[in-house]
């Protein structure tokens, strides 16, 4: 039982160590948003209109 508890704690520590920081997640989200806007050929105005449409509908 003690070995299982130690193993569970080690697994939690490993998973936590691999978690993405808030700043890294924010940077990745901004990058992906810009990439999608570029691929959809959206202008800045159309991008903001769509973002606010999505925010307002959620």
PDB file of N, CA and C in Angstrom:
ATOM      1  N   UNK A   1       0.825  -1.186   0.000  1.00  0.00           N
ATOM      2  CA  UNK A   1       0.000   0.000   0.000  1.00  0.00           C
ATOM      3  C   UNK A   1       0.874   1.258   0.000  1.00  0.00           C
ATOM      4  N   UNK A   2       1.940   1.219   0.795  1.00  0.00           N
ATOM      5  CA  UNK A   2       2.832   2.362   0.889  1.00  0.00           C
ATOM      6  C   UNK A   2       3.524   2.612  -0.455  1.00  0.00           C
ATOM      7  N   UNK A   3       3.894   1.532  -1.150  1.00  0.00           N
ATOM      8  CA  UNK A   3       4.553   1.671  -2.452  1.00  0.00           C
ATOM      9  C   UNK A   3       3.608   2.295  -3.475  1.00  0.00           C
ATOM     10  N   UNK A   4       2.333   1.932  -3.413  1.00  0.00           N
ATOM     11  CA  UNK A   4       1.357   2.504  -4.343  1.00  0.00           C
ATOM     12  C   UNK A   4       1.180   3.993  -4.086  1.00  0.00           C
ATOM     13  N   UNK A   5       1.191   4.392  -2.825  1.00  0.00           N
ATOM     14  CA  UNK A   5       1.043   5.797  -2.470  1.00  0.00           C
ATOM     15  C   UNK A   5       2.255   6.586  -2.969  1.00  0.00           C
ATOM     16  N   UNK A   6       3.438   6.039  -2.795  1.00  0.00           N
ATOM     17  CA  UNK A   6       4.652   6.704  -3.275  1.00  0.00           C
ATOM     18  C   UNK A   6       4.618   6.825  -4.794  1.00  0.00           C
ATOM     19  N   UNK A   7       4.182   5.774  -5.460  1.00  0.00           N
ATOM     20  CA  UNK A   7       4.077   5.790  -6.922  1.00  0.00           C
ATOM     21  C   UNK A   7       3.071   6.850  -7.382  1.00  0.00           C
ATOM     22  N   UNK A   8       1.947   6.952  -6.687  1.00  0.00           N
ATOM     23  CA  UNK A   8       0.937   7.949  -7.050  1.00  0.00           C
ATOM     24  C   UNK A   8       1.478   9.365  -6.868  1.00  0.00           C
ATOM     25  N   UNK A   9       2.199   9.603  -5.793  1.00  0.00           N
ATOM     26  CA  UNK A   9       2.783  10.920  -5.549  1.00  0.00           C
ATOM     27  C   UNK A   9       3.803  11.246  -6.626  1.00  0.00           C
ATOM     28  N   UNK A  10       4.613  10.286  -6.994  1.00  0.00           N
ATOM     29  CA  UNK A  10       5.615  10.502  -8.047  1.00  0.00           C
ATOM     30  C   UNK A  10       4.958  10.818  -9.385  1.00  0.00           C
ATOM     31  N   UNK A  11       3.858  10.144  -9.683  1.00  0.00           N
ATOM     32  CA  UNK A  11       3.144  10.402 -10.932  1.00  0.00           C
ATOM     33  C   UNK A  11       2.570  11.812 -10.947  1.00  0.00           C
ATOM     34  N   UNK A  12       1.998  12.247  -9.835  1.00  0.00           N
ATOM     35  CA  UNK A  12       1.436  13.595  -9.742  1.00  0.00           C
ATOM     36  C   UNK A  12       2.538  14.624  -9.909  1.00  0.00           C
ATOM     37  N   UNK A  13       3.676  14.401  -9.314  1.00  0.00           N
ATOM     38  CA  UNK A  13       4.800  15.335  -9.431  1.00  0.00           C
ATOM     39  C   UNK A  13       5.293  15.399 -10.877  1.00  0.00           C
ATOM     40  N   UNK A  14       5.339  14.275 -11.553  1.00  0.00           N
ATOM     41  CA  UNK A  14       5.778  14.243 -12.942  1.00  0.00           C
ATOM     42  C   UNK A  14       4.805  14.988 -13.831  1.00  0.00           C
ATOM     43  N   UNK A  15       3.526  14.770 -13.633  1.00  0.00           N
ATOM     44  CA  UNK A  15       2.510  15.454 -14.434  1.00  0.00           C
ATOM     45  C   UNK A  15       2.552  16.953 -14.178  1.00  0.00           C
ATOM     46  N   UNK A  16       2.706  17.350 -12.923  1.00  0.00           N
ATOM     47  CA  UNK A  16       2.775  18.767 -12.591  1.00  0.00           C
ATOM     48  C   UNK A  16       4.001  19.425 -13.194  1.00  0.00           C
ATOM     49  N   UNK A  17       5.090  18.715 -13.243  1.00  0.00           N
ATOM     50  CA  UNK A  17       6.327  19.274 -13.793  1.00  0.00           C
ATOM     51  C   UNK A  17       6.198  19.526 -15.289  1.00  0.00           C
ATOM     52  N   UNK A  18       5.354  18.763 -15.963  1.00  0.00           N
ATOM     53  CA  UNK A  18       5.181  18.909 -17.404  1.00  0.00           C
ATOM     54  C   UNK A  18       4.063  19.876 -17.780  1.00  0.00           C
ATOM     55  N   UNK A  19       3.396  20.461 -16.809  1.00  0.00           N
ATOM     56  CA  UNK A  19       2.291  21.370 -17.095  1.00  0.00           C
ATOM     57  C   UNK A  19       2.819  22.667 -17.712  1.00  0.00           C
ATOM     58  N   UNK A  20       2.015  23.259 -18.576  1.00  0.00           N
ATOM     59  CA  UNK A  20       2.393  24.498 -19.257  1.00  0.00           C
ATOM     60  C   UNK A  20       2.094  25.687 -18.343  1.00  0.00           C
ATOM     61  N   UNK A  21       3.008  26.627 -18.303  1.00  0.00           N
ATOM     62  CA  UNK A  21       2.790  27.812 -17.477  1.00  0.00           C
ATOM     63  C   UNK A  21       1.720  28.698 -18.121  1.00  0.00           C
ATOM     64  N   UNK A  22       1.193  29.630 -17.331  1.00  0.00           N
ATOM     65  CA  UNK A  22       0.162  30.536 -17.832  1.00  0.00           C
ATOM     66  C   UNK A  22       0.692  31.370 -19.003  1.00  0.00           C
ATOM     67  N   UNK A  23       1.894  31.906 -18.846  1.00  0.00           N
ATOM     68  CA  UNK A  23       2.466  32.736 -19.912  1.00  0.00           C
ATOM     69  C   UNK A  23       2.724  31.941 -21.178  1.00  0.00           C
ATOM     70  N   UNK A  24       3.180  30.700 -21.030  1.00  0.00           N
ATOM     71  CA  UNK A  24       3.417  29.859 -22.203  1.00  0.00           C
ATOM     72  C   UNK A  24       2.098  29.534 -22.902  1.00  0.00           C
ATOM     73  N   UNK A  25       1.060  29.248 -22.124  1.00  0.00           N
ATOM     74  CA  UNK A  25      -0.255  28.959 -22.704  1.00  0.00           C
ATOM     75  C   UNK A  25      -0.814  30.182 -23.416  1.00  0.00           C
ATOM     76  N   UNK A  26      -0.644  31.361 -22.817  1.00  0.00           N
ATOM     77  CA  UNK A  26      -1.124  32.603 -23.428  1.00  0.00           C
ATOM     78  C   UNK A  26      -0.388  32.873 -24.739  1.00  0.00           C
ATOM     79  N   UNK A  27       0.919  32.684 -24.728  1.00  0.00           N
ATOM     80  CA  UNK A  27       1.727  32.891 -25.938  1.00  0.00           C
ATOM     81  C   UNK A  27       1.294  31.928 -27.044  1.00  0.00           C
ATOM     82  N   UNK A  28       1.082  30.669 -26.691  1.00  0.00           N
ATOM     83  CA  UNK A  28       0.663  29.663 -27.668  1.00  0.00           C
ATOM     84  C   UNK A  28      -0.720  29.989 -28.237  1.00  0.00           C
ATOM     85  N   UNK A  29      -1.642  30.430 -27.380  1.00  0.00           N
ATOM     86  CA  UNK A  29      -2.990  30.780 -27.839  1.00  0.00           C
ATOM     87  C   UNK A  29      -2.956  31.969 -28.783  1.00  0.00           C
ATOM     88  N   UNK A  30      -2.157  32.988 -28.464  1.00  0.00           N
ATOM     89  CA  UNK A  30      -2.041  34.147 -29.353  1.00  0.00           C
ATOM     90  C   UNK A  30      -1.431  33.759 -30.695  1.00  0.00           C
ATOM     91  N   UNK A  31      -0.421  32.910 -30.650  1.00  0.00           N
ATOM     92  CA  UNK A  31       0.203  32.443 -31.888  1.00  0.00           C
ATOM     93  C   UNK A  31      -0.796  31.690 -32.760  1.00  0.00           C
ATOM     94  N   UNK A  32      -1.543  30.777 -32.149  1.00  0.00           N
ATOM     95  CA  UNK A  32      -2.513  29.997 -32.915  1.00  0.00           C
ATOM     96  C   UNK A  32      -3.639  30.868 -33.455  1.00  0.00           C
ATOM     97  N   UNK A  33      -4.062  31.868 -32.682  1.00  0.00           N
ATOM     98  CA  UNK A  33      -5.099  32.793 -33.153  1.00  0.00           C
ATOM     99  C   UNK A  33      -4.623  33.575 -34.372  1.00  0.00           C
ATOM    100  N   UNK A  34      -3.399  34.085 -34.285  1.00  0.00           N
ATOM    101  CA  UNK A  34      -2.837  34.817 -35.426  1.00  0.00           C
ATOM    102  C   UNK A  34      -2.689  33.925 -36.639  1.00  0.00           C
ATOM    103  N   UNK A  35      -2.270  32.706 -36.419  1.00  0.00           N
ATOM    104  CA  UNK A  35      -2.096  31.752 -37.519  1.00  0.00           C
ATOM    105  C   UNK A  35      -3.439  31.453 -38.196  1.00  0.00           C
ATOM    106  N   UNK A  36      -4.482  31.256 -37.397  1.00  0.00           N
ATOM    107  CA  UNK A  36      -5.806  30.988 -37.972  1.00  0.00           C
ATOM    108  C   UNK A  36      -6.317  32.192 -38.747  1.00  0.00           C
ATOM    109  N   UNK A  37      -6.126  33.389 -38.193  1.00  0.00           N
ATOM    110  CA  UNK A  37      -6.568  34.606 -38.886  1.00  0.00           C
ATOM    111  C   UNK A  37      -5.839  34.750 -40.214  1.00  0.00           C
ATOM    112  N   UNK A  38      -4.560  34.452 -40.234  1.00  0.00           N
ATOM    113  CA  UNK A  38      -3.787  34.526 -41.474  1.00  0.00           C
ATOM    114  C   UNK A  38      -4.284  33.508 -42.495  1.00  0.00           C
ATOM    115  N   UNK A  39      -4.502  32.277 -42.050  1.00  0.00           N
ATOM    116  CA  UNK A  39      -4.944  31.228 -42.963  1.00  0.00           C
ATOM    117  C   UNK A  39      -6.350  31.482 -43.490  1.00  0.00           C
ATOM    118  N   UNK A  40      -7.195  32.153 -42.700  1.00  0.00           N
ATOM    119  CA  UNK A  40      -8.546  32.482 -43.153  1.00  0.00           C
ATOM    120  C   UNK A  40      -8.599  33.812 -43.896  1.00  0.00           C
ATOM    121  N   UNK A  41      -7.428  34.457 -44.024  1.00  0.00           N
ATOM    122  CA  UNK A  41      -7.294  35.722 -44.742  1.00  0.00           C
ATOM    123  C   UNK A  41      -8.213  36.790 -44.155  1.00  0.00           C
ATOM    124  N   UNK A  42      -8.208  36.900 -42.829  1.00  0.00           N
ATOM    125  CA  UNK A  42      -9.044  37.875 -42.139  1.00  0.00           C
ATOM    126  C   UNK A  42      -8.263  39.165 -41.918  1.00  0.00           C
ATOM    127  N   UNK A  43      -8.935  40.274 -42.097  1.00  0.00           N
ATOM    128  CA  UNK A  43      -8.331  41.560 -41.751  1.00  0.00           C
ATOM    129  C   UNK A  43      -8.467  41.742 -40.241  1.00  0.00           C
ATOM    130  N   UNK A  44      -7.795  42.756 -39.710  1.00  0.00           N
ATOM    131  CA  UNK A  44      -7.857  42.999 -38.260  1.00  0.00           C
ATOM    132  C   UNK A  44      -9.282  43.291 -37.819  1.00  0.00           C
ATOM    133  N   UNK A  45     -10.021  44.076 -38.609  1.00  0.00           N
ATOM    134  CA  UNK A  45     -11.396  44.429 -38.245  1.00  0.00           C
ATOM    135  C   UNK A  45     -12.293  43.194 -38.243  1.00  0.00           C
ATOM    136  N   UNK A  46     -12.185  42.374 -39.279  1.00  0.00           N
ATOM    137  CA  UNK A  46     -13.011  41.160 -39.338  1.00  0.00           C
ATOM    138  C   UNK A  46     -12.645  40.198 -38.219  1.00  0.00           C
ATOM    139  N   UNK A  47     -11.359  40.136 -37.886  1.00  0.00           N
ATOM    140  CA  UNK A  47     -10.919  39.250 -36.809  1.00  0.00           C
ATOM    141  C   UNK A  47     -11.565  39.657 -35.498  1.00  0.00           C
ATOM    142  N   UNK A  48     -11.514  40.958 -35.163  1.00  0.00           N
ATOM    143  CA  UNK A  48     -12.113  41.421 -33.915  1.00  0.00           C
ATOM    144  C   UNK A  48     -13.619  41.226 -33.888  1.00  0.00           C
ATOM    145  N   UNK A  49     -14.264  41.447 -35.041  1.00  0.00           N
ATOM    146  CA  UNK A  49     -15.711  41.237 -35.090  1.00  0.00           C
ATOM    147  C   UNK A  49     -16.047  39.780 -34.790  1.00  0.00           C
ATOM    148  N   UNK A  50     -15.280  38.868 -35.371  1.00  0.00           N
ATOM    149  CA  UNK A  50     -15.537  37.438 -35.132  1.00  0.00           C
ATOM    150  C   UNK A  50     -15.215  37.049 -33.708  1.00  0.00           C
ATOM    151  N   UNK A  51     -14.137  37.596 -33.152  1.00  0.00           N
ATOM    152  CA  UNK A  51     -13.792  37.292 -31.763  1.00  0.00           C
ATOM    153  C   UNK A  51     -14.907  37.734 -30.837  1.00  0.00           C
ATOM    154  N   UNK A  52     -15.384  38.968 -31.013  1.00  0.00           N
ATOM    155  CA  UNK A  52     -16.444  39.467 -30.144  1.00  0.00           C
ATOM    156  C   UNK A  52     -17.742  38.706 -30.354  1.00  0.00           C
ATOM    157  N   UNK A  53     -17.974  38.242 -31.575  1.00  0.00           N
ATOM    158  CA  UNK A  53     -19.154  37.421 -31.827  1.00  0.00           C
ATOM    159  C   UNK A  53     -19.054  36.109 -31.037  1.00  0.00           C
ATOM    160  N   UNK A  54     -17.874  35.506 -31.049  1.00  0.00           N
ATOM    161  CA  UNK A  54     -17.676  34.254 -30.313  1.00  0.00           C
ATOM    162  C   UNK A  54     -17.759  34.471 -28.808  1.00  0.00           C
ATOM    163  N   UNK A  55     -17.187  35.568 -28.327  1.00  0.00           N
ATOM    164  CA  UNK A  55     -17.220  35.866 -26.892  1.00  0.00           C
ATOM    165  C   UNK A  55     -18.653  36.143 -26.452  1.00  0.00           C
ATOM    166  N   UNK A  56     -19.394  36.882 -27.256  1.00  0.00           N
ATOM    167  CA  UNK A  56     -20.758  37.213 -26.903  1.00  0.00           C
ATOM    168  C   UNK A  56     -21.709  36.031 -26.911  1.00  0.00           C
ATOM    169  N   UNK A  57     -21.394  35.013 -27.715  1.00  0.00           N
ATOM    170  CA  UNK A  57     -22.305  33.865 -27.819  1.00  0.00           C
ATOM    171  C   UNK A  57     -22.027  32.803 -26.762  1.00  0.00           C
ATOM    172  N   UNK A  58     -20.918  32.940 -26.027  1.00  0.00           N
ATOM    173  CA  UNK A  58     -20.606  31.909 -25.037  1.00  0.00           C
ATOM    174  C   UNK A  58     -21.127  32.223 -23.668  1.00  0.00           C
TER     175      UNK A  58
END
